[in-house]
Amino acid sequence: MDLNCRTKLQYVALFFALLGCVLTCVSTFVPLWRNLNLDLNEMEIWNTGLWQTCVIQDEGPMECKDFESFLALPIELRMARILMFLSDGLGIIGLIVSCFCLDCLKINEKYTKKYLALFGGALFWLSGIAALVPVSWIAHDTVQEFWDETIPEIVPRWEFGEAMFMCWFGSFFLLFGGSLLFCSVHPVTKQTTIRDQTKTIDSGLLYDTATLQNRCPDLII
């Protein structure tokens, strides 16, 4: 793999990982995981997230109420809070670690950048999986409740909110960024190595010829 191609691959990997980390961090705190539109009262739209429930009125401000007790929450919300915090932390640490594996930085250790790239890619993968689990879990419960035949049709049903799609895209971007970072660890090809050796030999020959001319000018015709 050419050095310029590897550098570009590293930048693309960091871009997607940064985008995924931003999306997962935003989706952690916004109350837009599920929404509820009441057919009997179209003036109100209910939104709920991991931390609070909000109601949006057509001609009034949005009012929110925080969840009072962590232990009183359903198991999926409790696990979602823990896993989303874990995902955000791993993503931020992965970005910091991956910045040190860029080719534009000069590090004396020969294999340091390789290990940093592998470690950063692994952190991105763990961050993406940690965000993918809770959003898929809540989405599964939402679908089960929406198609529950025991609930009368007149009762409003919760549906997917914007934050769930943000979390899905963020987790996929983190996984994609980690995969690209793994690909950037591929060693330099032989063609590049031979080219560098040829340049070294040519420069060495020029140096030797110049030295010989200075020492023995009568021997050079």
N, C-alpha and C. Protein backbone atom coordinates (compact mmCIF):
# COMPACT_ATOMS: atom_id res chain seq x y z
N MET A 1 0.84 -1.19 0.00
CA MET A 1 0.00 0.00 0.00
C MET A 1 0.88 1.24 0.00
N ASP A 2 0.59 2.17 -0.90
CA ASP A 2 1.37 3.39 -0.99
C ASP A 2 1.15 4.24 0.25
N LEU A 3 2.21 4.99 0.63
CA LEU A 3 2.13 5.81 1.84
C LEU A 3 1.07 6.89 1.73
N ASN A 4 0.95 7.52 0.55
CA ASN A 4 -0.07 8.56 0.36
C ASN A 4 -1.47 7.97 0.47
N CYS A 5 -1.66 6.78 -0.09
CA CYS A 5 -2.97 6.13 0.00
C CYS A 5 -3.30 5.76 1.43
N ARG A 6 -2.29 5.31 2.18
CA ARG A 6 -2.53 4.95 3.57
C ARG A 6 -2.87 6.17 4.41
N THR A 7 -2.21 7.29 4.13
CA THR A 7 -2.52 8.52 4.86
C THR A 7 -3.95 8.98 4.59
N LYS A 8 -4.36 8.93 3.33
CA LYS A 8 -5.73 9.31 2.99
C LYS A 8 -6.74 8.38 3.67
N LEU A 9 -6.40 7.09 3.73
CA LEU A 9 -7.28 6.13 4.38
C LEU A 9 -7.42 6.43 5.86
N GLN A 10 -6.35 6.86 6.49
CA GLN A 10 -6.41 7.22 7.90
C GLN A 10 -7.30 8.44 8.12
N TYR A 11 -7.18 9.44 7.25
CA TYR A 11 -8.01 10.64 7.38
C TYR A 11 -9.48 10.31 7.19
N VAL A 12 -9.80 9.47 6.22
CA VAL A 12 -11.19 9.08 5.98
C VAL A 12 -11.73 8.30 7.18
N ALA A 13 -10.91 7.42 7.73
CA ALA A 13 -11.33 6.65 8.90
C ALA A 13 -11.63 7.56 10.09
N LEU A 14 -10.76 8.55 10.32
CA LEU A 14 -11.00 9.47 11.43
C LEU A 14 -12.22 10.35 11.18
N PHE A 15 -12.48 10.70 9.92
CA PHE A 15 -13.65 11.51 9.62
C PHE A 15 -14.94 10.76 9.95
N PHE A 16 -15.04 9.51 9.49
CA PHE A 16 -16.25 8.74 9.76
C PHE A 16 -16.37 8.42 11.26
N ALA A 17 -15.26 8.15 11.91
CA ALA A 17 -15.31 7.87 13.34
C ALA A 17 -15.74 9.11 14.12
N LEU A 18 -15.22 10.28 13.74
CA LEU A 18 -15.63 11.53 14.40
C LEU A 18 -17.11 11.80 14.18
N LEU A 19 -17.58 11.60 12.94
CA LEU A 19 -19.00 11.80 12.66
C LEU A 19 -19.87 10.84 13.46
N GLY A 20 -19.46 9.59 13.53
CA GLY A 20 -20.22 8.62 14.32
C GLY A 20 -20.22 8.94 15.79
N CYS A 21 -19.09 9.41 16.32
CA CYS A 21 -19.02 9.76 17.73
C CYS A 21 -19.92 10.95 18.05
N VAL A 22 -19.97 11.93 17.16
CA VAL A 22 -20.84 13.09 17.37
C VAL A 22 -22.31 12.67 17.36
N LEU A 23 -22.68 11.80 16.42
CA LEU A 23 -24.08 11.36 16.33
C LEU A 23 -24.49 10.57 17.56
N THR A 24 -23.64 9.69 18.04
CA THR A 24 -24.00 8.90 19.22
C THR A 24 -24.06 9.76 20.47
N CYS A 25 -23.15 10.74 20.59
CA CYS A 25 -23.19 11.62 21.76
C CYS A 25 -24.45 12.48 21.77
N VAL A 26 -24.83 12.99 20.60
CA VAL A 26 -26.05 13.82 20.53
C VAL A 26 -27.28 12.97 20.83
N SER A 27 -27.34 11.78 20.25
CA SER A 27 -28.51 10.93 20.46
C SER A 27 -28.63 10.45 21.91
N THR A 28 -27.54 10.48 22.66
CA THR A 28 -27.60 10.05 24.06
C THR A 28 -28.45 10.99 24.90
N PHE A 29 -28.43 12.27 24.59
CA PHE A 29 -29.04 13.25 25.49
C PHE A 29 -30.33 13.87 24.95
N VAL A 30 -30.60 13.78 23.66
CA VAL A 30 -31.83 14.40 23.15
C VAL A 30 -33.03 13.50 23.43
N PRO A 31 -34.18 14.09 23.78
CA PRO A 31 -35.38 13.29 24.07
C PRO A 31 -36.18 12.97 22.82
N LEU A 32 -35.54 12.33 21.85
CA LEU A 32 -36.21 12.05 20.57
C LEU A 32 -36.07 10.59 20.18
N TRP A 33 -36.01 9.72 21.18
CA TRP A 33 -35.87 8.30 20.86
C TRP A 33 -37.19 7.72 20.36
N ARG A 34 -38.28 8.12 20.96
CA ARG A 34 -39.61 7.65 20.51
C ARG A 34 -40.57 8.82 20.55
N ASN A 35 -41.51 8.84 19.62
CA ASN A 35 -42.51 9.91 19.59
C ASN A 35 -43.90 9.31 19.52
N LEU A 36 -44.86 10.09 19.99
CA LEU A 36 -46.25 9.66 20.08
C LEU A 36 -47.13 10.81 19.63
N ASN A 37 -47.86 10.59 18.56
CA ASN A 37 -48.78 11.60 18.03
C ASN A 37 -50.21 11.16 18.32
N LEU A 38 -50.90 11.92 19.14
CA LEU A 38 -52.27 11.57 19.53
C LEU A 38 -53.24 11.95 18.43
N ASP A 39 -53.98 10.95 17.93
CA ASP A 39 -54.97 11.23 16.89
C ASP A 39 -56.14 12.05 17.42
N LEU A 40 -56.47 11.88 18.71
CA LEU A 40 -57.59 12.62 19.28
C LEU A 40 -57.21 14.07 19.56
N ASN A 41 -55.92 14.32 19.73
CA ASN A 41 -55.46 15.68 20.00
C ASN A 41 -54.19 15.90 19.17
N GLU A 42 -54.36 16.36 17.95
CA GLU A 42 -53.23 16.55 17.05
C GLU A 42 -52.39 17.76 17.42
N MET A 43 -52.81 18.50 18.41
CA MET A 43 -52.05 19.68 18.83
C MET A 43 -50.87 19.31 19.71
N GLU A 44 -50.78 18.06 20.18
CA GLU A 44 -49.72 17.63 21.08
C GLU A 44 -48.93 16.47 20.45
N ILE A 45 -47.63 16.55 20.63
CA ILE A 45 -46.73 15.48 20.20
C ILE A 45 -45.82 15.15 21.38
N TRP A 46 -45.83 13.89 21.77
CA TRP A 46 -45.03 13.44 22.90
C TRP A 46 -43.73 12.82 22.40
N ASN A 47 -42.64 13.19 23.05
CA ASN A 47 -41.32 12.62 22.76
C ASN A 47 -40.71 12.12 24.05
N THR A 48 -40.00 11.01 23.95
CA THR A 48 -39.33 10.45 25.12
C THR A 48 -37.92 10.02 24.74
N GLY A 49 -37.02 10.13 25.70
CA GLY A 49 -35.64 9.74 25.49
C GLY A 49 -35.14 8.91 26.65
N LEU A 50 -33.85 8.93 26.85
CA LEU A 50 -33.25 8.16 27.94
C LEU A 50 -33.31 8.89 29.27
N TRP A 51 -33.60 10.20 29.24
CA TRP A 51 -33.52 10.99 30.47
C TRP A 51 -34.81 11.70 30.82
N GLN A 52 -35.66 11.98 29.85
CA GLN A 52 -36.85 12.75 30.12
C GLN A 52 -37.90 12.51 29.05
N THR A 53 -39.13 12.94 29.38
CA THR A 53 -40.26 12.90 28.46
C THR A 53 -40.72 14.32 28.21
N CYS A 54 -40.97 14.65 26.96
CA CYS A 54 -41.36 16.01 26.59
C CYS A 54 -42.64 15.99 25.79
N VAL A 55 -43.40 17.06 25.91
CA VAL A 55 -44.62 17.25 25.14
C VAL A 55 -44.50 18.58 24.40
N ILE A 56 -44.80 18.55 23.12
CA ILE A 56 -44.72 19.74 22.26
C ILE A 56 -46.14 20.13 21.87
N GLN A 57 -46.54 21.33 22.24
CA GLN A 57 -47.84 21.84 21.89
C GLN A 57 -47.73 22.79 20.71
N ASP A 58 -48.78 22.84 19.92
CA ASP A 58 -48.74 23.62 18.67
C ASP A 58 -48.53 25.10 18.93
N GLU A 59 -49.18 25.63 19.91
CA GLU A 59 -49.10 27.07 20.19
C GLU A 59 -48.43 27.37 21.52
N GLY A 60 -47.67 26.43 22.03
CA GLY A 60 -47.02 26.64 23.31
C GLY A 60 -45.61 26.09 23.32
N PRO A 61 -44.86 26.36 24.38
CA PRO A 61 -43.48 25.86 24.45
C PRO A 61 -43.43 24.37 24.75
N MET A 62 -42.27 23.79 24.57
CA MET A 62 -42.08 22.38 24.88
C MET A 62 -41.84 22.22 26.38
N GLU A 63 -42.55 21.32 26.99
CA GLU A 63 -42.42 21.04 28.41
C GLU A 63 -41.86 19.64 28.59
N CYS A 64 -40.85 19.53 29.46
CA CYS A 64 -40.17 18.26 29.68
C CYS A 64 -40.18 17.93 31.17
N LYS A 65 -40.16 16.64 31.44
CA LYS A 65 -40.09 16.15 32.81
C LYS A 65 -39.06 15.03 32.87
N ASP A 66 -38.07 15.17 33.77
CA ASP A 66 -37.03 14.17 33.91
C ASP A 66 -37.55 12.94 34.63
N PHE A 67 -36.94 11.81 34.30
CA PHE A 67 -37.26 10.58 35.03
C PHE A 67 -36.68 10.68 36.43
N GLU A 68 -37.50 10.43 37.41
CA GLU A 68 -37.11 10.68 38.80
C GLU A 68 -36.15 9.63 39.34
N SER A 69 -36.35 8.37 39.03
CA SER A 69 -35.55 7.31 39.65
C SER A 69 -34.94 6.44 38.56
N PHE A 70 -33.65 6.12 38.72
CA PHE A 70 -32.99 5.24 37.77
C PHE A 70 -33.47 3.80 37.93
N LEU A 71 -33.68 3.38 39.17
CA LEU A 71 -34.10 2.00 39.41
C LEU A 71 -35.54 1.75 38.99
N ALA A 72 -36.34 2.80 38.91
CA ALA A 72 -37.73 2.63 38.50
C ALA A 72 -37.90 2.52 36.99
N LEU A 73 -36.84 2.75 36.24
CA LEU A 73 -36.93 2.69 34.79
C LEU A 73 -36.98 1.24 34.31
N PRO A 74 -37.52 1.01 33.14
CA PRO A 74 -37.46 -0.34 32.55
C PRO A 74 -36.02 -0.76 32.30
N ILE A 75 -35.81 -2.07 32.18
CA ILE A 75 -34.47 -2.60 32.04
C ILE A 75 -33.80 -2.10 30.76
N GLU A 76 -34.59 -1.91 29.69
CA GLU A 76 -33.97 -1.48 28.43
C GLU A 76 -33.45 -0.04 28.53
N LEU A 77 -34.14 0.83 29.29
CA LEU A 77 -33.67 2.20 29.45
C LEU A 77 -32.43 2.27 30.34
N ARG A 78 -32.41 1.44 31.39
CA ARG A 78 -31.23 1.43 32.25
C ARG A 78 -30.00 0.95 31.51
N MET A 79 -30.15 -0.14 30.74
CA MET A 79 -29.01 -0.65 29.97
C MET A 79 -28.63 0.33 28.86
N ALA A 80 -29.62 1.03 28.30
CA ALA A 80 -29.33 1.99 27.24
C ALA A 80 -28.47 3.14 27.78
N ARG A 81 -28.78 3.62 28.97
CA ARG A 81 -27.97 4.69 29.56
C ARG A 81 -26.53 4.24 29.75
N ILE A 82 -26.35 3.05 30.32
CA ILE A 82 -25.00 2.56 30.61
C ILE A 82 -24.22 2.34 29.32
N LEU A 83 -24.85 1.67 28.35
CA LEU A 83 -24.14 1.35 27.12
C LEU A 83 -23.86 2.59 26.27
N MET A 84 -24.76 3.56 26.28
CA MET A 84 -24.51 4.78 25.51
C MET A 84 -23.38 5.60 26.13
N PHE A 85 -23.32 5.66 27.46
CA PHE A 85 -22.19 6.32 28.10
C PHE A 85 -20.88 5.59 27.78
N LEU A 86 -20.94 4.26 27.78
CA LEU A 86 -19.76 3.48 27.43
C LEU A 86 -19.35 3.72 25.98
N SER A 87 -20.32 3.79 25.09
CA SER A 87 -20.03 4.04 23.68
C SER A 87 -19.40 5.42 23.48
N ASP A 88 -19.94 6.43 24.14
CA ASP A 88 -19.38 7.78 24.00
C ASP A 88 -17.94 7.84 24.53
N GLY A 89 -17.70 7.21 25.68
CA GLY A 89 -16.35 7.22 26.23
C GLY A 89 -15.34 6.49 25.36
N LEU A 90 -15.73 5.31 24.86
CA LEU A 90 -14.82 4.56 24.00
C LEU A 90 -14.56 5.29 22.69
N GLY A 91 -15.59 5.96 22.16
CA GLY A 91 -15.40 6.70 20.92
C GLY A 91 -14.45 7.87 21.08
N ILE A 92 -14.57 8.61 22.17
CA ILE A 92 -13.68 9.74 22.40
C ILE A 92 -12.24 9.27 22.63
N ILE A 93 -12.07 8.21 23.40
CA ILE A 93 -10.72 7.67 23.62
C ILE A 93 -10.15 7.14 22.31
N GLY A 94 -10.99 6.51 21.49
CA GLY A 94 -10.52 6.02 20.20
C GLY A 94 -10.06 7.14 19.29
N LEU A 95 -10.75 8.27 19.31
CA LEU A 95 -10.31 9.41 18.50
C LEU A 95 -8.96 9.94 18.97
N ILE A 96 -8.77 10.02 20.28
CA ILE A 96 -7.49 10.52 20.80
C ILE A 96 -6.35 9.57 20.45
N VAL A 97 -6.58 8.27 20.61
CA VAL A 97 -5.54 7.29 20.31
C VAL A 97 -5.22 7.28 18.83
N SER A 98 -6.26 7.36 17.99
CA SER A 98 -6.05 7.26 16.55
C SER A 98 -5.32 8.46 15.98
N CYS A 99 -5.40 9.59 16.64
CA CYS A 99 -4.68 10.77 16.14
C CYS A 99 -3.17 10.57 16.20
N PHE A 100 -2.69 9.74 17.12
CA PHE A 100 -1.25 9.52 17.25
C PHE A 100 -0.71 8.50 16.25
N CYS A 101 -1.59 7.82 15.51
CA CYS A 101 -1.13 6.84 14.53
C CYS A 101 -1.03 7.42 13.12
N LEU A 102 -1.28 8.70 12.95
CA LEU A 102 -1.21 9.31 11.64
C LEU A 102 0.23 9.37 11.15
N ASP A 103 0.40 9.23 9.86
CA ASP A 103 1.75 9.26 9.28
C ASP A 103 2.39 10.64 9.35
N CYS A 104 1.56 11.68 9.50
CA CYS A 104 2.13 13.03 9.57
C CYS A 104 2.84 13.28 10.89
N LEU A 105 2.61 12.43 11.90
CA LEU A 105 3.30 12.56 13.18
C LEU A 105 4.55 11.69 13.17
N LYS A 106 5.64 12.20 13.71
CA LYS A 106 6.90 11.47 13.73
C LYS A 106 7.10 10.84 15.11
N ILE A 107 7.12 9.51 15.12
CA ILE A 107 7.33 8.75 16.35
C ILE A 107 8.52 7.83 16.13
N ASN A 108 9.42 7.77 17.09
CA ASN A 108 10.64 6.99 16.92
C ASN A 108 10.39 5.49 16.89
N GLU A 109 9.43 5.02 17.66
CA GLU A 109 9.15 3.59 17.70
C GLU A 109 8.67 3.11 16.34
N LYS A 110 9.19 1.95 15.88
CA LYS A 110 8.86 1.46 14.55
C LYS A 110 7.44 0.93 14.47
N TYR A 111 7.02 0.18 15.49
CA TYR A 111 5.71 -0.46 15.46
C TYR A 111 4.69 0.26 16.34
N THR A 112 5.01 1.43 16.84
CA THR A 112 4.09 2.14 17.72
C THR A 112 2.83 2.55 16.99
N LYS A 113 2.97 3.12 15.79
CA LYS A 113 1.81 3.57 15.03
C LYS A 113 0.91 2.40 14.63
N LYS A 114 1.53 1.28 14.33
CA LYS A 114 0.74 0.11 13.96
C LYS A 114 -0.14 -0.34 15.13
N TYR A 115 0.45 -0.41 16.32
CA TYR A 115 -0.31 -0.83 17.49
C TYR A 115 -1.37 0.21 17.88
N LEU A 116 -1.04 1.48 17.73
CA LEU A 116 -2.02 2.53 18.02
C LEU A 116 -3.20 2.47 17.06
N ALA A 117 -2.92 2.20 15.77
CA ALA A 117 -4.01 2.08 14.79
C ALA A 117 -4.90 0.89 15.10
N LEU A 118 -4.30 -0.23 15.47
CA LEU A 118 -5.10 -1.41 15.82
C LEU A 118 -5.93 -1.15 17.08
N PHE A 119 -5.33 -0.50 18.06
CA PHE A 119 -6.05 -0.20 19.30
C PHE A 119 -7.17 0.80 19.06
N GLY A 120 -6.90 1.83 18.25
CA GLY A 120 -7.94 2.80 17.93
C GLY A 120 -9.09 2.18 17.14
N GLY A 121 -8.77 1.31 16.17
CA GLY A 121 -9.82 0.64 15.43
C GLY A 121 -10.66 -0.26 16.32
N ALA A 122 -10.03 -0.94 17.26
CA ALA A 122 -10.77 -1.80 18.19
C ALA A 122 -11.70 -0.97 19.08
N LEU A 123 -11.23 0.20 19.52
CA LEU A 123 -12.08 1.07 20.33
C LEU A 123 -13.29 1.57 19.53
N PHE A 124 -13.09 1.90 18.26
CA PHE A 124 -14.21 2.32 17.42
C PHE A 124 -15.23 1.18 17.25
N TRP A 125 -14.74 -0.02 17.07
CA TRP A 125 -15.64 -1.16 16.94
C TRP A 125 -16.43 -1.39 18.23
N LEU A 126 -15.76 -1.34 19.37
CA LEU A 126 -16.46 -1.51 20.64
C LEU A 126 -17.47 -0.40 20.87
N SER A 127 -17.11 0.82 20.50
CA SER A 127 -18.04 1.95 20.65
C SER A 127 -19.27 1.77 19.76
N GLY A 128 -19.05 1.34 18.52
CA GLY A 128 -20.19 1.13 17.62
C GLY A 128 -21.11 0.02 18.08
N ILE A 129 -20.54 -1.07 18.57
CA ILE A 129 -21.37 -2.19 19.06
C ILE A 129 -22.12 -1.78 20.32
N ALA A 130 -21.43 -1.03 21.21
CA ALA A 130 -22.09 -0.59 22.45
C ALA A 130 -23.26 0.34 22.17
N ALA A 131 -23.22 1.11 21.09
CA ALA A 131 -24.35 1.97 20.73
C ALA A 131 -25.41 1.23 19.94
N LEU A 132 -25.00 0.20 19.20
CA LEU A 132 -25.95 -0.53 18.37
C LEU A 132 -26.87 -1.42 19.20
N VAL A 133 -26.37 -1.93 20.31
CA VAL A 133 -27.17 -2.84 21.14
C VAL A 133 -28.38 -2.15 21.75
N PRO A 134 -28.25 -1.02 22.47
CA PRO A 134 -29.44 -0.43 23.12
C PRO A 134 -30.47 0.10 22.13
N VAL A 135 -30.01 0.72 21.03
CA VAL A 135 -30.98 1.28 20.08
C VAL A 135 -31.74 0.15 19.38
N SER A 136 -31.09 -0.96 19.11
CA SER A 136 -31.79 -2.09 18.50
C SER A 136 -32.74 -2.74 19.50
N TRP A 137 -32.35 -2.77 20.75
CA TRP A 137 -33.21 -3.34 21.79
C TRP A 137 -34.48 -2.51 21.95
N ILE A 138 -34.33 -1.20 22.06
CA ILE A 138 -35.50 -0.33 22.20
C ILE A 138 -36.36 -0.37 20.94
N ALA A 139 -35.73 -0.45 19.77
CA ALA A 139 -36.49 -0.54 18.53
C ALA A 139 -37.30 -1.84 18.49
N HIS A 140 -36.72 -2.93 18.96
CA HIS A 140 -37.45 -4.20 18.99
C HIS A 140 -38.66 -4.12 19.91
N ASP A 141 -38.49 -3.55 21.09
CA ASP A 141 -39.62 -3.40 22.01
C ASP A 141 -40.69 -2.48 21.44
N THR A 142 -40.27 -1.43 20.73
CA THR A 142 -41.24 -0.51 20.13
C THR A 142 -42.07 -1.21 19.06
N VAL A 143 -41.43 -2.04 18.25
CA VAL A 143 -42.16 -2.77 17.21
C VAL A 143 -43.11 -3.78 17.84
N GLN A 144 -42.67 -4.46 18.89
CA GLN A 144 -43.54 -5.43 19.56
C GLN A 144 -44.77 -4.76 20.16
N GLU A 145 -44.60 -3.59 20.77
CA GLU A 145 -45.73 -2.88 21.34
C GLU A 145 -46.65 -2.31 20.25
N PHE A 146 -46.06 -1.90 19.13
CA PHE A 146 -46.87 -1.30 18.07
C PHE A 146 -47.82 -2.33 17.45
N TRP A 147 -47.35 -3.57 17.30
CA TRP A 147 -48.16 -4.62 16.67
C TRP A 147 -48.80 -5.56 17.69
N ASP A 148 -48.88 -5.12 18.94
CA ASP A 148 -49.50 -5.95 19.97
C ASP A 148 -51.02 -5.97 19.76
N GLU A 149 -51.55 -7.13 19.51
CA GLU A 149 -52.99 -7.26 19.23
C GLU A 149 -53.84 -7.12 20.48
N THR A 150 -53.25 -7.26 21.64
CA THR A 150 -54.03 -7.12 22.87
C THR A 150 -54.36 -5.67 23.20
N ILE A 151 -53.66 -4.74 22.59
CA ILE A 151 -53.92 -3.32 22.83
C ILE A 151 -54.96 -2.83 21.82
N PRO A 152 -55.99 -2.15 22.27
CA PRO A 152 -57.01 -1.65 21.32
C PRO A 152 -56.42 -0.71 20.29
N GLU A 153 -57.00 -0.69 19.11
CA GLU A 153 -56.47 0.13 18.02
C GLU A 153 -56.59 1.62 18.31
N ILE A 154 -57.52 2.01 19.16
CA ILE A 154 -57.70 3.43 19.44
C ILE A 154 -56.60 3.98 20.34
N VAL A 155 -55.87 3.09 21.01
CA VAL A 155 -54.80 3.52 21.91
C VAL A 155 -53.59 3.95 21.08
N PRO A 156 -53.03 5.12 21.32
CA PRO A 156 -51.85 5.57 20.55
C PRO A 156 -50.66 4.66 20.79
N ARG A 157 -49.79 4.56 19.78
CA ARG A 157 -48.61 3.71 19.84
C ARG A 157 -47.34 4.56 19.68
N TRP A 158 -46.32 4.15 20.39
CA TRP A 158 -45.03 4.80 20.24
C TRP A 158 -44.39 4.39 18.92
N GLU A 159 -43.69 5.32 18.29
CA GLU A 159 -42.99 5.07 17.03
C GLU A 159 -41.54 5.53 17.14
N PHE A 160 -40.74 5.18 16.12
CA PHE A 160 -39.32 5.53 16.12
C PHE A 160 -39.14 7.04 16.05
N GLY A 161 -38.19 7.54 16.86
CA GLY A 161 -37.86 8.95 16.83
C GLY A 161 -36.58 9.21 16.06
N GLU A 162 -36.26 10.47 15.89
CA GLU A 162 -35.08 10.84 15.11
C GLU A 162 -33.79 10.40 15.77
N ALA A 163 -33.75 10.37 17.11
CA ALA A 163 -32.51 10.00 17.80
C ALA A 163 -32.13 8.54 17.56
N MET A 164 -33.11 7.69 17.33
CA MET A 164 -32.80 6.29 17.07
C MET A 164 -32.08 6.14 15.74
N PHE A 165 -32.51 6.87 14.74
CA PHE A 165 -31.83 6.82 13.44
C PHE A 165 -30.44 7.46 13.53
N MET A 166 -30.32 8.51 14.33
CA MET A 166 -29.01 9.12 14.54
C MET A 166 -28.06 8.11 15.19
N CYS A 167 -28.56 7.37 16.16
CA CYS A 167 -27.72 6.39 16.85
C CYS A 167 -27.34 5.25 15.92
N TRP A 168 -28.27 4.80 15.08
CA TRP A 168 -27.96 3.75 14.11
C TRP A 168 -26.86 4.20 13.16
N PHE A 169 -27.03 5.37 12.57
CA PHE A 169 -26.02 5.88 11.64
C PHE A 169 -24.69 6.09 12.35
N GLY A 170 -24.73 6.62 13.58
CA GLY A 170 -23.50 6.83 14.32
C GLY A 170 -22.75 5.54 14.59
N SER A 171 -23.47 4.49 14.98
CA SER A 171 -22.81 3.21 15.25
C SER A 171 -22.22 2.61 13.98
N PHE A 172 -22.93 2.72 12.86
CA PHE A 172 -22.39 2.21 11.60
C PHE A 172 -21.17 3.01 11.15
N PHE A 173 -21.18 4.32 11.35
CA PHE A 173 -20.01 5.13 11.00
C PHE A 173 -18.81 4.76 11.85
N LEU A 174 -19.03 4.48 13.13
CA LEU A 174 -17.93 4.06 13.99
C LEU A 174 -17.36 2.71 13.55
N LEU A 175 -18.23 1.78 13.21
CA LEU A 175 -17.76 0.48 12.72
C LEU A 175 -17.00 0.63 11.40
N PHE A 176 -17.50 1.48 10.52
CA PHE A 176 -16.85 1.70 9.23
C PHE A 176 -15.49 2.39 9.41
N GLY A 177 -15.45 3.39 10.30
CA GLY A 177 -14.19 4.06 10.58
C GLY A 177 -13.16 3.12 11.19
N GLY A 178 -13.59 2.26 12.10
CA GLY A 178 -12.67 1.29 12.67
C GLY A 178 -12.16 0.31 11.63
N SER A 179 -13.01 -0.11 10.71
CA SER A 179 -12.58 -1.03 9.65
C SER A 179 -11.56 -0.38 8.73
N LEU A 180 -11.78 0.89 8.37
CA LEU A 180 -10.81 1.59 7.54
C LEU A 180 -9.47 1.77 8.25
N LEU A 181 -9.53 1.98 9.56
CA LEU A 181 -8.29 2.13 10.31
C LEU A 181 -7.53 0.81 10.36
N PHE A 182 -8.25 -0.30 10.43
CA PHE A 182 -7.60 -1.61 10.35
C PHE A 182 -6.92 -1.80 8.99
N CYS A 183 -7.60 -1.36 7.92
CA CYS A 183 -7.03 -1.51 6.58
C CYS A 183 -5.78 -0.66 6.38
N SER A 184 -5.68 0.46 7.11
CA SER A 184 -4.52 1.33 6.95
C SER A 184 -3.26 0.74 7.58
N VAL A 185 -3.41 -0.33 8.35
CA VAL A 185 -2.25 -0.96 8.99
C VAL A 185 -1.48 -1.83 8.00
N HIS A 186 -2.07 -2.10 6.81
CA HIS A 186 -1.42 -2.95 5.80
C HIS A 186 -0.04 -2.39 5.48
N PRO A 187 1.00 -3.24 5.41
CA PRO A 187 2.37 -2.74 5.19
C PRO A 187 2.54 -2.14 3.81
N VAL A 188 3.63 -1.42 3.64
CA VAL A 188 3.95 -0.79 2.37
C VAL A 188 4.33 -1.86 1.37
N THR A 189 3.91 -1.71 0.12
CA THR A 189 4.16 -2.72 -0.89
C THR A 189 5.63 -2.74 -1.30
N LYS A 190 6.04 -3.83 -1.99
CA LYS A 190 7.42 -3.98 -2.42
C LYS A 190 7.79 -2.95 -3.48
N GLN A 191 6.79 -2.54 -4.28
CA GLN A 191 7.08 -1.57 -5.33
C GLN A 191 7.58 -0.26 -4.74
N THR A 192 6.94 0.17 -3.67
CA THR A 192 7.37 1.40 -3.00
C THR A 192 8.75 1.23 -2.38
N THR A 193 9.00 0.04 -1.80
CA THR A 193 10.29 -0.21 -1.17
C THR A 193 11.41 -0.22 -2.20
N ILE A 194 11.18 -0.87 -3.36
CA ILE A 194 12.18 -0.91 -4.42
C ILE A 194 12.46 0.48 -4.96
N ARG A 195 11.41 1.29 -5.09
CA ARG A 195 11.57 2.66 -5.57
C ARG A 195 12.44 3.47 -4.61
N ASP A 196 12.20 3.30 -3.31
CA ASP A 196 13.01 4.02 -2.34
C ASP A 196 14.45 3.54 -2.36
N GLN A 197 14.66 2.22 -2.53
CA GLN A 197 16.02 1.70 -2.58
C GLN A 197 16.75 2.21 -3.82
N THR A 198 16.03 2.30 -4.97
CA THR A 198 16.64 2.82 -6.19
C THR A 198 17.09 4.25 -6.02
N LYS A 199 16.26 5.07 -5.36
CA LYS A 199 16.64 6.45 -5.11
C LYS A 199 17.86 6.52 -4.21
N THR A 200 17.94 5.64 -3.23
CA THR A 200 19.08 5.63 -2.32
C THR A 200 20.36 5.25 -3.03
N ILE A 201 20.25 4.23 -3.92
CA ILE A 201 21.42 3.79 -4.67
C ILE A 201 21.90 4.88 -5.61
N ASP A 202 20.96 5.52 -6.33
CA ASP A 202 21.33 6.60 -7.25
C ASP A 202 22.01 7.75 -6.53
N SER A 203 21.47 8.13 -5.39
CA SER A 203 22.07 9.22 -4.64
C SER A 203 23.44 8.82 -4.11
N GLY A 204 23.60 7.54 -3.75
CA GLY A 204 24.89 7.06 -3.29
C GLY A 204 25.94 7.06 -4.38
N LEU A 205 25.52 6.68 -5.60
CA LEU A 205 26.46 6.69 -6.73
C LEU A 205 26.90 8.11 -7.07
N LEU A 206 25.96 9.04 -7.04
CA LEU A 206 26.32 10.43 -7.31
C LEU A 206 27.29 10.96 -6.27
N TYR A 207 27.07 10.55 -5.03
CA TYR A 207 27.96 11.01 -3.96
C TYR A 207 29.36 10.43 -4.14
N ASP A 208 29.42 9.14 -4.48
CA ASP A 208 30.73 8.50 -4.66
C ASP A 208 31.47 9.10 -5.84
N THR A 209 30.76 9.40 -6.96
CA THR A 209 31.41 9.99 -8.13
C THR A 209 31.96 11.38 -7.81
N ALA A 210 31.15 12.16 -7.09
CA ALA A 210 31.61 13.50 -6.72
C ALA A 210 32.81 13.43 -5.80
N THR A 211 32.83 12.48 -4.88
CA THR A 211 33.96 12.33 -3.97
C THR A 211 35.23 11.91 -4.71
N LEU A 212 35.03 10.99 -5.69
CA LEU A 212 36.18 10.52 -6.46
C LEU A 212 36.78 11.63 -7.32
N GLN A 213 35.91 12.47 -7.86
CA GLN A 213 36.41 13.61 -8.65
C GLN A 213 37.21 14.57 -7.80
N ASN A 214 36.78 14.79 -6.58
CA ASN A 214 37.51 15.71 -5.71
C ASN A 214 38.84 15.14 -5.29
N ARG A 215 38.89 13.84 -5.08
CA ARG A 215 40.13 13.24 -4.58
C ARG A 215 41.14 12.98 -5.73
N CYS A 216 40.66 12.46 -6.85
CA CYS A 216 41.54 12.11 -7.95
C CYS A 216 41.00 12.71 -9.24
N PRO A 217 41.18 13.99 -9.47
CA PRO A 217 40.63 14.63 -10.67
C PRO A 217 41.29 14.15 -11.94
N ASP A 218 42.54 13.64 -11.86
CA ASP A 218 43.26 13.22 -13.07
C ASP A 218 42.76 11.89 -13.59
N LEU A 219 42.10 11.10 -12.72
CA LEU A 219 41.61 9.78 -13.15
C LEU A 219 40.31 9.86 -13.89
N ILE A 220 39.59 10.98 -13.79
CA ILE A 220 38.28 11.11 -14.43
C ILE A 220 38.48 11.80 -15.76
N ILE A 221 38.05 11.17 -16.83
CA ILE A 221 38.16 11.73 -18.19
C ILE A 221 36.89 12.47 -18.53
